[in-house]
Structure formats: structure tokens, C-alpha cells
Protein backbone atom coordinates (compact mmCIF):
# COMPACT_ATOMS: atom_id res chain seq x y z
CA UNK A 1 -1.14 -0.75 4.33
CA UNK A 2 -0.71 2.35 6.67
CA UNK A 3 1.07 0.12 9.30
CA UNK A 4 3.53 -1.19 6.67
CA UNK A 5 4.05 2.28 5.64
CA UNK A 6 4.57 3.43 9.27
CA UNK A 7 7.09 0.49 9.98
CA UNK A 8 9.10 1.52 6.75
CA UNK A 9 9.10 5.02 7.67
CA UNK A 10 10.19 4.37 11.20
CA UNK A 11 13.04 2.14 9.82
CA UNK A 12 14.17 5.13 7.68
CA UNK A 13 13.85 7.84 10.29
CA UNK A 14 16.00 5.82 12.84
CA UNK A 15 19.24 6.13 10.90
CA UNK A 16 18.38 9.47 9.12
CA UNK A 17 16.89 11.55 11.92
CA UNK A 18 14.76 14.59 11.28
CA UNK A 19 17.27 17.26 10.22
CA UNK A 20 18.19 16.29 6.63
CA UNK A 21 15.41 14.82 4.59
CA UNK A 22 17.40 14.34 1.36
CA UNK A 23 19.06 11.14 2.26
CA UNK A 24 15.93 9.75 3.79
CA UNK A 25 13.97 10.42 0.55
CA UNK A 26 16.60 8.92 -1.52
CA UNK A 27 16.66 5.72 0.56
CA UNK A 28 12.92 5.42 0.80
CA UNK A 29 12.73 5.74 -3.05
CA UNK A 30 15.59 3.33 -3.60
CA UNK A 31 14.19 0.82 -1.08
CA UNK A 32 10.77 0.83 -2.84
CA UNK A 33 11.57 1.39 -6.46
CA UNK A 34 15.13 -0.21 -6.61
CA UNK A 35 16.58 2.85 -8.28
CA UNK A 36 17.66 6.22 -7.23
CA UNK A 37 15.11 9.11 -7.78
CA UNK A 38 15.76 11.77 -10.38
CA UNK A 39 16.29 15.31 -9.12
CA UNK A 40 12.79 16.20 -10.38
CA UNK A 41 11.42 13.30 -8.21
CA UNK A 42 13.52 14.16 -5.24
CA UNK A 43 12.20 17.74 -5.43
CA UNK A 44 8.61 16.73 -5.63
CA UNK A 45 8.90 14.18 -2.74
CA UNK A 46 10.62 16.84 -0.63
CA UNK A 47 7.78 19.32 -1.24
CA UNK A 48 5.39 16.48 -0.26
CA UNK A 49 7.38 15.77 3.01
CA UNK A 50 7.21 19.51 3.86
CA UNK A 51 3.51 19.59 3.18
CA UNK A 52 2.95 16.64 5.32
CA UNK A 53 5.13 17.99 8.15
CA UNK A 54 2.74 21.06 8.16
CA UNK A 55 -0.34 18.87 8.13
CA UNK A 56 0.88 16.82 11.15
CA UNK A 57 2.20 19.78 13.15
CA UNK A 58 -0.53 19.14 15.83
CA UNK A 59 0.73 16.16 17.86
CA UNK A 60 -2.89 14.83 18.51
CA UNK A 61 -3.51 14.58 14.72
CA UNK A 62 -0.24 12.63 14.12
CA UNK A 63 -0.99 10.28 17.24
CA UNK A 64 -4.44 9.56 15.86
CA UNK A 65 -3.02 8.69 12.26
CA UNK A 66 -0.20 6.55 13.89
CA UNK A 67 -2.56 4.48 16.12
CA UNK A 68 -3.60 2.26 13.17
CA UNK A 69 -2.46 -1.32 13.57
CA UNK A 70 -0.06 -3.06 16.09
CA UNK A 71 3.34 -1.84 15.13
CA UNK A 72 4.98 0.16 17.94
CA UNK A 73 7.28 2.90 16.42
CA UNK A 74 10.71 3.77 17.93
CA UNK A 75 10.73 7.26 16.63
CA UNK A 76 10.09 10.03 19.24
CA UNK A 77 9.12 12.82 16.82
CA UNK A 78 5.50 11.53 16.01
CA UNK A 79 4.68 14.47 13.72
CA UNK A 80 7.74 13.70 11.57
CA UNK A 81 7.08 10.07 11.62
CA UNK A 82 3.44 10.58 10.37
CA UNK A 83 4.77 12.71 7.52
CA UNK A 84 7.37 10.24 6.45
CA UNK A 85 4.62 7.48 6.75
CA UNK A 86 2.59 9.43 4.13
CA UNK A 87 5.67 9.98 2.03
CA UNK A 88 6.43 6.03 2.07
CA UNK A 89 2.69 5.41 1.52
CA UNK A 90 2.77 7.58 -1.66
CA UNK A 91 5.89 5.71 -2.79
CA UNK A 92 4.20 2.40 -2.20
CA UNK A 93 1.43 3.38 -4.59
CA UNK A 94 3.95 4.78 -7.19
CA UNK A 95 3.76 2.97 -10.44
CA UNK A 96 7.47 2.32 -10.35
CA UNK A 97 7.11 0.50 -7.07
CA UNK A 98 4.25 -1.82 -8.26
CA UNK A 99 5.62 -2.80 -11.72
CA UNK A 100 8.50 -2.36 -14.02
CA UNK A 101 7.59 -1.86 -17.58
């Protein structure tokens, strides 16, 4: 599950980079739920990403987290990739991703 989230995060970071997380968050949400996020959802996810960036500031912690599985990431900023991986993992567990009611 972490490896799938990392591969998805890596695919999102490649075109979006690390400077402007808004479009990355929107694409991640749309990819996993098939709809655009509301403004409130975007704000919450932006806060989550900022929190995760803080959490993974130490490169060793990011490297340890990203070692799970066989997928080799292309992203150079491992701290940012780890943060986006947790964002994607959160979205993968989001009720709107799992089922449509």
C-alpha cells in the first residue's frame, strides 16, 4: 500500500514539482476520487501536506519511509516525496476513493 502511494506520489511530483502544491493536490484528488476537491477539502489537504513536509524534514527519516518495496522513485527531493506519499495514502483511504454512495 505504501509502495502504491509512493509510485502515485512520484508520478504526481514529476510534472508538478515542489513549488506549487495546489495543482498537485487537485490532480491527486481527481485521480483517486474522479472529482475535483471542494475548497475546504483542498485547504485540509494543503495543511496535511505542510504538516508532512515538516515531519519529513530530516532526510534520513524520509529515506527510511521510502525504502518500503521495490519501486525506485525518480523524484530527487525525498522529503517532499515522502510528504506527498502520505498525502496520497490518506486519499487512498478516503471514503470517496473506496466507494461512491
